[in-house]
Amino acid sequence: SKGVSQGANAARAAITFSFFSIIVWVALAVKALQRYRLGTDMSLFATD
């Protein structure tokens, strides 16, 4: 409709960036998983 056509670009932008957000948050989850798998280097607790 006339009113819908005025906000069509904003609606498409919301849909598009929702899709991009999926990719970025998945990438953040993968980075967190990599950090968890790194664990702890026991040399932090080594003494003479």
ModelCIF file with pLDDT and N, C-alpha, C, O atoms, coordinates in Angstrom:
data_MODEL
#
_entry.id   MODEL 
#
_entity.id                         1 
_entity.type                       polymer 
_entity.pdbx_number_of_molecules   1 
#
_entity_poly.entity_id                      1 
_entity_poly.type                           'polypeptide(L)' 
_entity_poly.nstd_linkage                   no 
_entity_poly.nstd_monomer                   no 
_entity_poly.pdbx_seq_one_letter_code       SKGVSQGANAARAAITFSFFSIIVWVALAVKALQRYRLGTDMSLFATD 
_entity_poly.pdbx_seq_one_letter_code_can   SKGVSQGANAARAAITFSFFSIIVWVALAVKALQRYRLGTDMSLFATD 
_entity_poly.pdbx_strand_id                 A 
#
loop_
_entity_poly_seq.entity_id 
_entity_poly_seq.num 
_entity_poly_seq.mon_id 
_entity_poly_seq.hetero 
1 1  SER n 
1 2  LYS n 
1 3  GLY n 
1 4  VAL n 
1 5  SER n 
1 6  GLN n 
1 7  GLY n 
1 8  ALA n 
1 9  ASN n 
1 10 ALA n 
1 11 ALA n 
1 12 ARG n 
1 13 ALA n 
1 14 ALA n 
1 15 ILE n 
1 16 THR n 
1 17 PHE n 
1 18 SER n 
1 19 PHE n 
1 20 PHE n 
1 21 SER n 
1 22 ILE n 
1 23 ILE n 
1 24 VAL n 
1 25 TRP n 
1 26 VAL n 
1 27 ALA n 
1 28 LEU n 
1 29 ALA n 
1 30 VAL n 
1 31 LYS n 
1 32 ALA n 
1 33 LEU n 
1 34 GLN n 
1 35 ARG n 
1 36 TYR n 
1 37 ARG n 
1 38 LEU n 
1 39 GLY n 
1 40 THR n 
1 41 ASP n 
1 42 MET n 
1 43 SER n 
1 44 LEU n 
1 45 PHE n 
1 46 ALA n 
1 47 THR n 
1 48 ASP n 
#
_struct_asym.id          A 
_struct_asym.entity_id   1 
#
loop_
_ma_qa_metric.id 
_ma_qa_metric.mode 
_ma_qa_metric.name 
_ma_qa_metric.software_group_id 
_ma_qa_metric.type 
1 global pLDDT . pLDDT 
2 local  pLDDT . pLDDT 
#
_ma_qa_metric_global.metric_id      1 
_ma_qa_metric_global.metric_value   81.60 
_ma_qa_metric_global.model_id       1 
_ma_qa_metric_global.ordinal_id     1 
#
loop_
_ma_qa_metric_local.label_asym_id 
_ma_qa_metric_local.label_comp_id 
_ma_qa_metric_local.label_seq_id 
_ma_qa_metric_local.metric_id 
_ma_qa_metric_local.metric_value 
_ma_qa_metric_local.model_id 
_ma_qa_metric_local.ordinal_id 
A SER 1  2 82.00 1 1  
A LYS 2  2 80.00 1 2  
A GLY 3  2 78.00 1 3  
A VAL 4  2 85.00 1 4  
A SER 5  2 87.00 1 5  
A GLN 6  2 85.00 1 6  
A GLY 7  2 88.00 1 7  
A ALA 8  2 91.00 1 8  
A ASN 9  2 93.00 1 9  
A ALA 10 2 93.00 1 10 
A ALA 11 2 94.00 1 11 
A ARG 12 2 94.00 1 12 
A ALA 13 2 95.00 1 13 
A ALA 14 2 95.00 1 14 
A ILE 15 2 96.00 1 15 
A THR 16 2 96.00 1 16 
A PHE 17 2 96.00 1 17 
A SER 18 2 96.00 1 18 
A PHE 19 2 97.00 1 19 
A PHE 20 2 97.00 1 20 
A SER 21 2 96.00 1 21 
A ILE 22 2 97.00 1 22 
A ILE 23 2 96.00 1 23 
A VAL 24 2 96.00 1 24 
A TRP 25 2 96.00 1 25 
A VAL 26 2 96.00 1 26 
A ALA 27 2 95.00 1 27 
A LEU 28 2 95.00 1 28 
A ALA 29 2 94.00 1 29 
A VAL 30 2 94.00 1 30 
A LYS 31 2 92.00 1 31 
A ALA 32 2 91.00 1 32 
A LEU 33 2 91.00 1 33 
A GLN 34 2 88.00 1 34 
A ARG 35 2 85.00 1 35 
A TYR 36 2 86.00 1 36 
A ARG 37 2 85.00 1 37 
A LEU 38 2 79.00 1 38 
A GLY 39 2 71.00 1 39 
A THR 40 2 54.00 1 40 
A ASP 41 2 47.00 1 41 
A MET 42 2 43.00 1 42 
A SER 43 2 42.00 1 43 
A LEU 44 2 41.00 1 44 
A PHE 45 2 38.00 1 45 
A ALA 46 2 38.00 1 46 
A THR 47 2 36.00 1 47 
A ASP 48 2 37.00 1 48 
#
loop_
_atom_site.group_PDB 
_atom_site.id 
_atom_site.type_symbol 
_atom_site.label_atom_id 
_atom_site.label_alt_id 
_atom_site.label_comp_id 
_atom_site.label_asym_id 
_atom_site.label_entity_id 
_atom_site.label_seq_id 
_atom_site.pdbx_PDB_ins_code 
_atom_site.Cartn_x 
_atom_site.Cartn_y 
_atom_site.Cartn_z 
_atom_site.occupancy 
_atom_site.B_iso_or_equiv 
_atom_site.pdbx_formal_charge 
_atom_site.auth_seq_id 
_atom_site.auth_comp_id 
_atom_site.auth_asym_id 
_atom_site.auth_atom_id 
_atom_site.pdbx_PDB_model_num 
ATOM 1   N N  . SER A 1 1  ? 0.862  -1.170  0.000  1.00 82.00 ? 1  SER A N  1 
ATOM 2   C CA . SER A 1 1  ? 0.000  0.000   0.000  1.00 82.00 ? 1  SER A CA 1 
ATOM 3   C C  . SER A 1 1  ? 0.904  1.227   0.000  1.00 82.00 ? 1  SER A C  1 
ATOM 4   O O  . SER A 1 1  ? 2.130  1.116   -0.002 1.00 82.00 ? 1  SER A O  1 
ATOM 5   N N  . LYS A 1 2  ? 0.279  2.388   0.002  1.00 80.00 ? 2  LYS A N  1 
ATOM 6   C CA . LYS A 1 2  ? 1.075  3.601   -0.015 1.00 80.00 ? 2  LYS A CA 1 
ATOM 7   C C  . LYS A 1 2  ? 1.914  3.730   1.254  1.00 80.00 ? 2  LYS A C  1 
ATOM 8   O O  . LYS A 1 2  ? 3.091  4.087   1.189  1.00 80.00 ? 2  LYS A O  1 
ATOM 9   N N  . GLY A 1 3  ? 1.320  3.444   2.392  1.00 78.00 ? 3  GLY A N  1 
ATOM 10  C CA . GLY A 1 3  ? 2.056  3.535   3.644  1.00 78.00 ? 3  GLY A CA 1 
ATOM 11  C C  . GLY A 1 3  ? 3.145  2.474   3.744  1.00 78.00 ? 3  GLY A C  1 
ATOM 12  O O  . GLY A 1 3  ? 4.233  2.733   4.258  1.00 78.00 ? 3  GLY A O  1 
ATOM 13  N N  . VAL A 1 4  ? 2.839  1.267   3.244  1.00 85.00 ? 4  VAL A N  1 
ATOM 14  C CA . VAL A 1 4  ? 3.823  0.186   3.299  1.00 85.00 ? 4  VAL A CA 1 
ATOM 15  C C  . VAL A 1 4  ? 5.015  0.490   2.401  1.00 85.00 ? 4  VAL A C  1 
ATOM 16  O O  . VAL A 1 4  ? 6.159  0.216   2.765  1.00 85.00 ? 4  VAL A O  1 
ATOM 17  N N  . SER A 1 5  ? 4.748  1.052   1.239  1.00 87.00 ? 5  SER A N  1 
ATOM 18  C CA . SER A 1 5  ? 5.830  1.361   0.306  1.00 87.00 ? 5  SER A CA 1 
ATOM 19  C C  . SER A 1 5  ? 6.792  2.402   0.865  1.00 87.00 ? 5  SER A C  1 
ATOM 20  O O  . SER A 1 5  ? 7.966  2.422   0.496  1.00 87.00 ? 5  SER A O  1 
ATOM 21  N N  . GLN A 1 6  ? 6.303  3.266   1.751  1.00 85.00 ? 6  GLN A N  1 
ATOM 22  C CA . GLN A 1 6  ? 7.179  4.273   2.338  1.00 85.00 ? 6  GLN A CA 1 
ATOM 23  C C  . GLN A 1 6  ? 8.183  3.662   3.315  1.00 85.00 ? 6  GLN A C  1 
ATOM 24  O O  . GLN A 1 6  ? 9.297  4.164   3.463  1.00 85.00 ? 6  GLN A O  1 
ATOM 25  N N  . GLY A 1 7  ? 7.790  2.593   3.967  1.00 88.00 ? 7  GLY A N  1 
ATOM 26  C CA . GLY A 1 7  ? 8.699  1.962   4.916  1.00 88.00 ? 7  GLY A CA 1 
ATOM 27  C C  . GLY A 1 7  ? 9.290  0.664   4.412  1.00 88.00 ? 7  GLY A C  1 
ATOM 28  O O  . GLY A 1 7  ? 9.847  -0.112  5.190  1.00 88.00 ? 7  GLY A O  1 
ATOM 29  N N  . ALA A 1 8  ? 9.174  0.416   3.098  1.00 91.00 ? 8  ALA A N  1 
ATOM 30  C CA . ALA A 1 8  ? 9.654  -0.851  2.538  1.00 91.00 ? 8  ALA A CA 1 
ATOM 31  C C  . ALA A 1 8  ? 11.167 -0.999  2.678  1.00 91.00 ? 8  ALA A C  1 
ATOM 32  O O  . ALA A 1 8  ? 11.656 -2.090  2.974  1.00 91.00 ? 8  ALA A O  1 
ATOM 33  N N  . ASN A 1 9  ? 11.903 0.073   2.470  1.00 93.00 ? 9  ASN A N  1 
ATOM 34  C CA . ASN A 1 9  ? 13.369 -0.015  2.567  1.00 93.00 ? 9  ASN A CA 1 
ATOM 35  C C  . ASN A 1 9  ? 13.812 -0.348  3.990  1.00 93.00 ? 9  ASN A C  1 
ATOM 36  O O  . ASN A 1 9  ? 14.746 -1.124  4.194  1.00 93.00 ? 9  ASN A O  1 
ATOM 37  N N  . ALA A 1 10 ? 13.132 0.246   4.968  1.00 93.00 ? 10 ALA A N  1 
ATOM 38  C CA . ALA A 1 10 ? 13.476 -0.045  6.362  1.00 93.00 ? 10 ALA A CA 1 
ATOM 39  C C  . ALA A 1 10 ? 13.157 -1.500  6.705  1.00 93.00 ? 10 ALA A C  1 
ATOM 40  O O  . ALA A 1 10 ? 13.905 -2.149  7.437  1.00 93.00 ? 10 ALA A O  1 
ATOM 41  N N  . ALA A 1 11 ? 12.054 -2.002  6.177  1.00 94.00 ? 11 ALA A N  1 
ATOM 42  C CA . ALA A 1 11 ? 11.693 -3.401  6.441  1.00 94.00 ? 11 ALA A CA 1 
ATOM 43  C C  . ALA A 1 11 ? 12.716 -4.343  5.821  1.00 94.00 ? 11 ALA A C  1 
ATOM 44  O O  . ALA A 1 11 ? 13.119 -5.322  6.449  1.00 94.00 ? 11 ALA A O  1 
ATOM 45  N N  . ARG A 1 12 ? 13.137 -4.054  4.597  1.00 94.00 ? 12 ARG A N  1 
ATOM 46  C CA . ARG A 1 12 ? 14.148 -4.902  3.950  1.00 94.00 ? 12 ARG A CA 1 
ATOM 47  C C  . ARG A 1 12 ? 15.489 -4.814  4.682  1.00 94.00 ? 12 ARG A C  1 
ATOM 48  O O  . ARG A 1 12 ? 16.211 -5.805  4.791  1.00 94.00 ? 12 ARG A O  1 
ATOM 49  N N  . ALA A 1 13 ? 15.812 -3.618  5.182  1.00 95.00 ? 13 ALA A N  1 
ATOM 50  C CA . ALA A 1 13 ? 17.067 -3.470  5.930  1.00 95.00 ? 13 ALA A CA 1 
ATOM 51  C C  . ALA A 1 13 ? 17.030 -4.302  7.218  1.00 95.00 ? 13 ALA A C  1 
ATOM 52  O O  . ALA A 1 13 ? 18.022 -4.937  7.575  1.00 95.00 ? 13 ALA A O  1 
ATOM 53  N N  . ALA A 1 14 ? 15.897 -4.297  7.906  1.00 95.00 ? 14 ALA A N  1 
ATOM 54  C CA . ALA A 1 14 ? 15.776 -5.085  9.130  1.00 95.00 ? 14 ALA A CA 1 
ATOM 55  C C  . ALA A 1 14 ? 15.940 -6.570  8.836  1.00 95.00 ? 14 ALA A C  1 
ATOM 56  O O  . ALA A 1 14 ? 16.601 -7.281  9.593  1.00 95.00 ? 14 ALA A O  1 
ATOM 57  N N  . ILE A 1 15 ? 15.349 -7.041  7.754  1.00 96.00 ? 15 ILE A N  1 
ATOM 58  C CA . ILE A 1 15 ? 15.469 -8.451  7.389  1.00 96.00 ? 15 ILE A CA 1 
ATOM 59  C C  . ILE A 1 15 ? 16.904 -8.792  6.999  1.00 96.00 ? 15 ILE A C  1 
ATOM 60  O O  . ILE A 1 15 ? 17.445 -9.813  7.423  1.00 96.00 ? 15 ILE A O  1 
ATOM 61  N N  . THR A 1 16 ? 17.512 -7.932  6.193  1.00 96.00 ? 16 THR A N  1 
ATOM 62  C CA . THR A 1 16 ? 18.878 -8.193  5.715  1.00 96.00 ? 16 THR A CA 1 
ATOM 63  C C  . THR A 1 16 ? 19.876 -8.236  6.854  1.00 96.00 ? 16 THR A C  1 
ATOM 64  O O  . THR A 1 16 ? 20.698 -9.149  6.931  1.00 96.00 ? 16 THR A O  1 
ATOM 65  N N  . PHE A 1 17 ? 19.810 -7.249  7.742  1.00 96.00 ? 17 PHE A N  1 
ATOM 66  C CA . PHE A 1 17 ? 20.788 -7.206  8.828  1.00 96.00 ? 17 PHE A CA 1 
ATOM 67  C C  . PHE A 1 17 ? 20.480 -8.239  9.917  1.00 96.00 ? 17 PHE A C  1 
ATOM 68  O O  . PHE A 1 17 ? 21.357 -8.582  10.710 1.00 96.00 ? 17 PHE A O  1 
ATOM 69  N N  . SER A 1 18 ? 19.257 -8.727  9.958  1.00 96.00 ? 18 SER A N  1 
ATOM 70  C CA . SER A 1 18 ? 18.971 -9.872  10.828 1.00 96.00 ? 18 SER A CA 1 
ATOM 71  C C  . SER A 1 18 ? 19.722 -11.100 10.329 1.00 96.00 ? 18 SER A C  1 
ATOM 72  O O  . SER A 1 18 ? 20.253 -11.876 11.125 1.00 96.00 ? 18 SER A O  1 
ATOM 73  N N  . PHE A 1 19 ? 19.766 -11.273 9.023  1.00 97.00 ? 19 PHE A N  1 
ATOM 74  C CA . PHE A 1 19 ? 20.502 -12.404 8.450  1.00 97.00 ? 19 PHE A CA 1 
ATOM 75  C C  . PHE A 1 19 ? 22.003 -12.250 8.692  1.00 97.00 ? 19 PHE A C  1 
ATOM 76  O O  . PHE A 1 19 ? 22.673 -13.213 9.067  1.00 97.00 ? 19 PHE A O  1 
ATOM 77  N N  . PHE A 1 20 ? 22.531 -11.047 8.481  1.00 97.00 ? 20 PHE A N  1 
ATOM 78  C CA . PHE A 1 20 ? 23.951 -10.821 8.730  1.00 97.00 ? 20 PHE A CA 1 
ATOM 79  C C  . PHE A 1 20 ? 24.312 -11.037 10.206 1.00 97.00 ? 20 PHE A C  1 
ATOM 80  O O  . PHE A 1 20 ? 25.406 -11.501 10.525 1.00 97.00 ? 20 PHE A O  1 
ATOM 81  N N  . SER A 1 21 ? 23.381 -10.694 11.093 1.00 96.00 ? 21 SER A N  1 
ATOM 82  C CA . SER A 1 21 ? 23.637 -10.870 12.530 1.00 96.00 ? 21 SER A CA 1 
ATOM 83  C C  . SER A 1 21 ? 23.795 -12.340 12.887 1.00 96.00 ? 21 SER A C  1 
ATOM 84  O O  . SER A 1 21 ? 24.562 -12.688 13.785 1.00 96.00 ? 21 SER A O  1 
ATOM 85  N N  . ILE A 1 22 ? 23.060 -13.213 12.175 1.00 97.00 ? 22 ILE A N  1 
ATOM 86  C CA . ILE A 1 22 ? 23.222 -14.650 12.432 1.00 97.00 ? 22 ILE A CA 1 
ATOM 87  C C  . ILE A 1 22 ? 24.668 -15.066 12.199 1.00 97.00 ? 22 ILE A C  1 
ATOM 88  O O  . ILE A 1 22 ? 25.258 -15.774 13.015 1.00 97.00 ? 22 ILE A O  1 
ATOM 89  N N  . ILE A 1 23 ? 25.230 -14.626 11.090 1.00 96.00 ? 23 ILE A N  1 
ATOM 90  C CA . ILE A 1 23 ? 26.595 -15.011 10.720 1.00 96.00 ? 23 ILE A CA 1 
ATOM 91  C C  . ILE A 1 23 ? 27.594 -14.504 11.749 1.00 96.00 ? 23 ILE A C  1 
ATOM 92  O O  . ILE A 1 23 ? 28.491 -15.236 12.167 1.00 96.00 ? 23 ILE A O  1 
ATOM 93  N N  . VAL A 1 24 ? 27.435 -13.245 12.155 1.00 96.00 ? 24 VAL A N  1 
ATOM 94  C CA . VAL A 1 24 ? 28.405 -12.651 13.080 1.00 96.00 ? 24 VAL A CA 1 
ATOM 95  C C  . VAL A 1 24 ? 28.329 -13.304 14.455 1.00 96.00 ? 24 VAL A C  1 
ATOM 96  O O  . VAL A 1 24 ? 29.363 -13.558 15.073 1.00 96.00 ? 24 VAL A O  1 
ATOM 97  N N  . TRP A 1 25 ? 27.119 -13.580 14.943 1.00 96.00 ? 25 TRP A N  1 
ATOM 98  C CA . TRP A 1 25 ? 26.994 -14.209 16.256 1.00 96.00 ? 25 TRP A CA 1 
ATOM 99  C C  . TRP A 1 25 ? 27.483 -15.647 16.232 1.00 96.00 ? 25 TRP A C  1 
ATOM 100 O O  . TRP A 1 25 ? 28.032 -16.128 17.223 1.00 96.00 ? 25 TRP A O  1 
ATOM 101 N N  . VAL A 1 26 ? 27.296 -16.334 15.129 1.00 96.00 ? 26 VAL A N  1 
ATOM 102 C CA . VAL A 1 26 ? 27.865 -17.681 15.011 1.00 96.00 ? 26 VAL A CA 1 
ATOM 103 C C  . VAL A 1 26 ? 29.385 -17.602 15.054 1.00 96.00 ? 26 VAL A C  1 
ATOM 104 O O  . VAL A 1 26 ? 30.034 -18.432 15.691 1.00 96.00 ? 26 VAL A O  1 
ATOM 105 N N  . ALA A 1 27 ? 29.954 -16.607 14.380 1.00 95.00 ? 27 ALA A N  1 
ATOM 106 C CA . ALA A 1 27 ? 31.409 -16.425 14.416 1.00 95.00 ? 27 ALA A CA 1 
ATOM 107 C C  . ALA A 1 27 ? 31.891 -16.139 15.834 1.00 95.00 ? 27 ALA A C  1 
ATOM 108 O O  . ALA A 1 27 ? 32.942 -16.635 16.237 1.00 95.00 ? 27 ALA A O  1 
ATOM 109 N N  . LEU A 1 28 ? 31.139 -15.348 16.594 1.00 95.00 ? 28 LEU A N  1 
ATOM 110 C CA . LEU A 1 28 ? 31.513 -15.080 17.987 1.00 95.00 ? 28 LEU A CA 1 
ATOM 111 C C  . LEU A 1 28 ? 31.427 -16.347 18.833 1.00 95.00 ? 28 LEU A C  1 
ATOM 112 O O  . LEU A 1 28 ? 32.257 -16.565 19.716 1.00 95.00 ? 28 LEU A O  1 
ATOM 113 N N  . ALA A 1 29 ? 30.430 -17.177 18.564 1.00 94.00 ? 29 ALA A N  1 
ATOM 114 C CA . ALA A 1 29 ? 30.322 -18.449 19.289 1.00 94.00 ? 29 ALA A CA 1 
ATOM 115 C C  . ALA A 1 29 ? 31.509 -19.358 18.978 1.00 94.00 ? 29 ALA A C  1 
ATOM 116 O O  . ALA A 1 29 ? 32.026 -20.036 19.865 1.00 94.00 ? 29 ALA A O  1 
ATOM 117 N N  . VAL A 1 30 ? 31.935 -19.369 17.724 1.00 94.00 ? 30 VAL A N  1 
ATOM 118 C CA . VAL A 1 30 ? 33.089 -20.182 17.339 1.00 94.00 ? 30 VAL A CA 1 
ATOM 119 C C  . VAL A 1 30 ? 34.350 -19.666 18.024 1.00 94.00 ? 30 VAL A C  1 
ATOM 120 O O  . VAL A 1 30 ? 35.163 -20.461 18.496 1.00 94.00 ? 30 VAL A O  1 
ATOM 121 N N  . LYS A 1 31 ? 34.526 -18.349 18.086 1.00 92.00 ? 31 LYS A N  1 
ATOM 122 C CA . LYS A 1 31 ? 35.688 -17.785 18.764 1.00 92.00 ? 31 LYS A CA 1 
ATOM 123 C C  . LYS A 1 31 ? 35.690 -18.141 20.247 1.00 92.00 ? 31 LYS A C  1 
ATOM 124 O O  . LYS A 1 31 ? 36.734 -18.462 20.814 1.00 92.00 ? 31 LYS A O  1 
ATOM 125 N N  . ALA A 1 32 ? 34.519 -18.084 20.871 1.00 91.00 ? 32 ALA A N  1 
ATOM 126 C CA . ALA A 1 32 ? 34.436 -18.448 22.286 1.00 91.00 ? 32 ALA A CA 1 
ATOM 127 C C  . ALA A 1 32 ? 34.753 -19.929 22.487 1.00 91.00 ? 32 ALA A C  1 
ATOM 128 O O  . ALA A 1 32 ? 35.399 -20.301 23.466 1.00 91.00 ? 32 ALA A O  1 
ATOM 129 N N  . LEU A 1 33 ? 34.299 -20.768 21.564 1.00 91.00 ? 33 LEU A N  1 
ATOM 130 C CA . LEU A 1 33 ? 34.597 -22.198 21.654 1.00 91.00 ? 33 LEU A CA 1 
ATOM 131 C C  . LEU A 1 33 ? 36.089 -22.452 21.502 1.00 91.00 ? 33 LEU A C  1 
ATOM 132 O O  . LEU A 1 33 ? 36.640 -23.316 22.184 1.00 91.00 ? 33 LEU A O  1 
ATOM 133 N N  . GLN A 1 34 ? 36.743 -21.720 20.625 1.00 88.00 ? 34 GLN A N  1 
ATOM 134 C CA . GLN A 1 34 ? 38.187 -21.860 20.453 1.00 88.00 ? 34 GLN A CA 1 
ATOM 135 C C  . GLN A 1 34 ? 38.924 -21.449 21.720 1.00 88.00 ? 34 GLN A C  1 
ATOM 136 O O  . GLN A 1 34 ? 39.888 -22.105 22.114 1.00 88.00 ? 34 GLN A O  1 
ATOM 137 N N  . ARG A 1 35 ? 38.491 -20.389 22.353 1.00 85.00 ? 35 ARG A N  1 
ATOM 138 C CA . ARG A 1 35 ? 39.125 -19.942 23.598 1.00 85.00 ? 35 ARG A CA 1 
ATOM 139 C C  . ARG A 1 35 ? 38.924 -20.975 24.705 1.00 85.00 ? 35 ARG A C  1 
ATOM 140 O O  . ARG A 1 35 ? 39.818 -21.207 25.518 1.00 85.00 ? 35 ARG A O  1 
ATOM 141 N N  . TYR A 1 36 ? 37.750 -21.589 24.729 1.00 86.00 ? 36 TYR A N  1 
ATOM 142 C CA . TYR A 1 36 ? 37.500 -22.600 25.752 1.00 86.00 ? 36 TYR A CA 1 
ATOM 143 C C  . TYR A 1 36 ? 38.378 -23.832 25.542 1.00 86.00 ? 36 TYR A C  1 
ATOM 144 O O  . TYR A 1 36 ? 38.869 -24.427 26.501 1.00 86.00 ? 36 TYR A O  1 
ATOM 145 N N  . ARG A 1 37 ? 38.569 -24.203 24.284 1.00 85.00 ? 37 ARG A N  1 
ATOM 146 C CA . ARG A 1 37 ? 39.408 -25.365 23.991 1.00 85.00 ? 37 ARG A CA 1 
ATOM 147 C C  . ARG A 1 37 ? 40.877 -25.100 24.276 1.00 85.00 ? 37 ARG A C  1 
ATOM 148 O O  . ARG A 1 37 ? 41.633 -26.032 24.552 1.00 85.00 ? 37 ARG A O  1 
ATOM 149 N N  . LEU A 1 38 ? 41.286 -23.841 24.212 1.00 79.00 ? 38 LEU A N  1 
ATOM 150 C CA . LEU A 1 38 ? 42.668 -23.521 24.558 1.00 79.00 ? 38 LEU A CA 1 
ATOM 151 C C  . LEU A 1 38 ? 42.946 -23.862 26.020 1.00 79.00 ? 38 LEU A C  1 
ATOM 152 O O  . LEU A 1 38 ? 44.044 -24.294 26.372 1.00 79.00 ? 38 LEU A O  1 
ATOM 153 N N  . GLY A 1 39 ? 41.943 -23.662 26.855 1.00 71.00 ? 39 GLY A N  1 
ATOM 154 C CA . GLY A 1 39 ? 42.096 -24.019 28.263 1.00 71.00 ? 39 GLY A CA 1 
ATOM 155 C C  . GLY A 1 39 ? 43.163 -23.185 28.939 1.00 71.00 ? 39 GLY A C  1 
ATOM 156 O O  . GLY A 1 39 ? 43.329 -21.995 28.670 1.00 71.00 ? 39 GLY A O  1 
ATOM 157 N N  . THR A 1 40 ? 43.883 -23.857 29.829 1.00 54.00 ? 40 THR A N  1 
ATOM 158 C CA . THR A 1 40 ? 44.874 -23.172 30.656 1.00 54.00 ? 40 THR A CA 1 
ATOM 159 C C  . THR A 1 40 ? 46.237 -23.780 30.437 1.00 54.00 ? 40 THR A C  1 
ATOM 160 O O  . THR A 1 40 ? 46.384 -25.003 30.432 1.00 54.00 ? 40 THR A O  1 
ATOM 161 N N  . ASP A 1 41 ? 47.224 -22.946 30.258 1.00 47.00 ? 41 ASP A N  1 
ATOM 162 C CA . ASP A 1 41 ? 48.616 -23.384 30.193 1.00 47.00 ? 41 ASP A CA 1 
ATOM 163 C C  . ASP A 1 41 ? 49.128 -23.522 31.616 1.00 47.00 ? 41 ASP A C  1 
ATOM 164 O O  . ASP A 1 41 ? 49.172 -22.540 32.357 1.00 47.00 ? 41 ASP A O  1 
ATOM 165 N N  . MET A 1 42 ? 49.519 -24.741 32.011 1.00 43.00 ? 42 MET A N  1 
ATOM 166 C CA . MET A 1 42 ? 49.934 -24.977 33.384 1.00 43.00 ? 42 MET A CA 1 
ATOM 167 C C  . MET A 1 42 ? 51.257 -24.306 33.749 1.00 43.00 ? 42 MET A C  1 
ATOM 168 O O  . MET A 1 42 ? 51.665 -24.318 34.911 1.00 43.00 ? 42 MET A O  1 
ATOM 169 N N  . SER A 1 43 ? 51.923 -23.726 32.759 1.00 42.00 ? 43 SER A N  1 
ATOM 170 C CA . SER A 1 43 ? 53.148 -22.995 33.082 1.00 42.00 ? 43 SER A CA 1 
ATOM 171 C C  . SER A 1 43 ? 52.860 -21.755 33.919 1.00 42.00 ? 43 SER A C  1 
ATOM 172 O O  . SER A 1 43 ? 53.768 -21.166 34.504 1.00 42.00 ? 43 SER A O  1 
ATOM 173 N N  . LEU A 1 44 ? 51.557 -21.355 33.973 1.00 41.00 ? 44 LEU A N  1 
ATOM 174 C CA . LEU A 1 44 ? 51.201 -20.247 34.837 1.00 41.00 ? 44 LEU A CA 1 
ATOM 175 C C  . LEU A 1 44 ? 51.459 -20.578 36.304 1.00 41.00 ? 44 LEU A C  1 
ATOM 176 O O  . LEU A 1 44 ? 51.671 -19.686 37.125 1.00 41.00 ? 44 LEU A O  1 
ATOM 177 N N  . PHE A 1 45 ? 51.437 -21.866 36.620 1.00 38.00 ? 45 PHE A N  1 
ATOM 178 C CA . PHE A 1 45 ? 51.581 -22.261 38.003 1.00 38.00 ? 45 PHE A CA 1 
ATOM 179 C C  . PHE A 1 45 ? 52.925 -22.920 38.284 1.00 38.00 ? 45 PHE A C  1 
ATOM 180 O O  . PHE A 1 45 ? 53.113 -23.460 39.374 1.00 38.00 ? 45 PHE A O  1 
ATOM 181 N N  . ALA A 1 46 ? 53.868 -22.895 37.344 1.00 38.00 ? 46 ALA A N  1 
ATOM 182 C CA . ALA A 1 46 ? 55.168 -23.540 37.532 1.00 38.00 ? 46 ALA A CA 1 
ATOM 183 C C  . ALA A 1 46 ? 56.005 -22.723 38.501 1.00 38.00 ? 46 ALA A C  1 
ATOM 184 O O  . ALA A 1 46 ? 55.952 -21.493 38.506 1.00 38.00 ? 46 ALA A O  1 
ATOM 185 N N  . THR A 1 47 ? 56.778 -23.425 39.324 1.00 36.00 ? 47 THR A N  1 
ATOM 186 C CA . THR A 1 47 ? 57.690 -22.763 40.258 1.00 36.00 ? 47 THR A CA 1 
ATOM 187 C C  . THR A 1 47 ? 59.068 -23.361 40.105 1.00 36.00 ? 47 THR A C  1 
ATOM 188 O O  . THR A 1 47 ? 59.259 -24.352 39.401 1.00 36.00 ? 47 THR A O  1 
ATOM 189 N N  . ASP A 1 48 ? 60.025 -22.747 40.771 1.00 37.00 ? 48 ASP A N  1 
ATOM 190 C CA . ASP A 1 48 ? 61.407 -23.201 40.628 1.00 37.00 ? 48 ASP A CA 1 
ATOM 191 C C  . ASP A 1 48 ? 61.653 -24.555 41.276 1.00 37.00 ? 48 ASP A C  1 
ATOM 192 O O  . ASP A 1 48 ? 62.773 -25.064 41.234 1.00 37.00 ? 48 ASP A O  1 
#
